């Protein structure tokens, strides 16, 4: 006798509490297999794109000597922050979203929320640092190389990560709302004081700095464009007048002096104009990056403090999730923006994708920052998903690898 099951469009599984002498009670929850697989596939593609795109940015900077500059140090640091977010934080977020609950336990929930704030804050502060760097480059194009040195850049990156860590560890020391008894619930810390503090330090203060810096870039760019235009007209008139005056005495002497004067007077403005033009193009590309950052993160940092301090104005859960994932989406946008608006990154991406990276890398030149970025990338790719797929305890991974990682 054959049992025929009724056909259904959506297949669901129900998990019931299971207890025993060596296990903890697991809350029952229903899983819609079709919905879970579809959503999981989309989120996995989202994560893979973010991981691969940011690795591509890092390799492009590491493998090309012409990208070894302070600005590109900061861009590589931004990619490292986005890579950490995509490889360590987003797998847990995607699993929780697809399953409809948190299945990794309370300790990993606390670690996940702290890493989430750490990576997002580091990404935003990296954009802030890039805006300051661009303002310096456009305002002082000839003094920029002496002002922005590799040592100062490394110190700024270290300070950036230290500040991000200081902002993210508050909930680990008790600055959070009471944790729910149900361990299948893991959400962003919405304690009113911390929500305002994190929103201000992680978004609004950096946003204010970014806007001020790019307003300064815009003003300086307009002033220098006008001065260059006026300088060309004035220089042309003066050269003509000087030529006529000298020609009255000696035509041959006039030709020699005119050529020397042109060489002396035009060389410095030309170099200044060339340098300014390059910095202006870079500022435009990074301005697009900042614009996308504001569009992606502003909704979340508007909703979070309002819903935390005024629960009656809290939007529907679907809207909150959309703003949450819109911020995550920003980590995948930058690898798209760079090749679309920057010719140097477009060429670098092509070289990496064609496998020319290693052949273009100068192995005798390995600054500590690039070595650290390389080791971080390998470490993340090697162990990032073990938390998600195998539930391996962090100390089982970090302890044997600590010596190798720091060597």
Foldseek 3Di string as FASTA:
>chain_A
DDDDDDDDPWDKDWDPFDDDPPDDTAHIDMAGVVQLVVLLVVLVVLLVLLQVLLVLLLLLCQQAPVNPDLLSLLVNQLSLLLNCCSQFQSLQVSNCVSRVWHDQFDVVLLVNLLSNQLSLLLNLVSLLVSLQLLLCCLVPVPCSDVVRDPVVSVVVSVVSSVVSNVLRCVVVVPQADDDDPNRRHRDHGQAQVSLVVSLVNRPVVSVVSNVVSVVSSVVSLVVVVVVVVVVVVVVVVVLVVQLVVVVVPPNVVSVVVSVVCCCVVVPVVVVVVVSNVVSNLVSVLSVVLVVLQCVLQVVQSVQRNCCSVPVVPHDDPVSNVSSVVSNSSSSSCVSVSCLVRPVSSVVSSVCVVVVNRVVSRDVVDDDPSSVLSVLSSVLSVVCSCCCPPPVDDPCVPCVVCVVVSVD
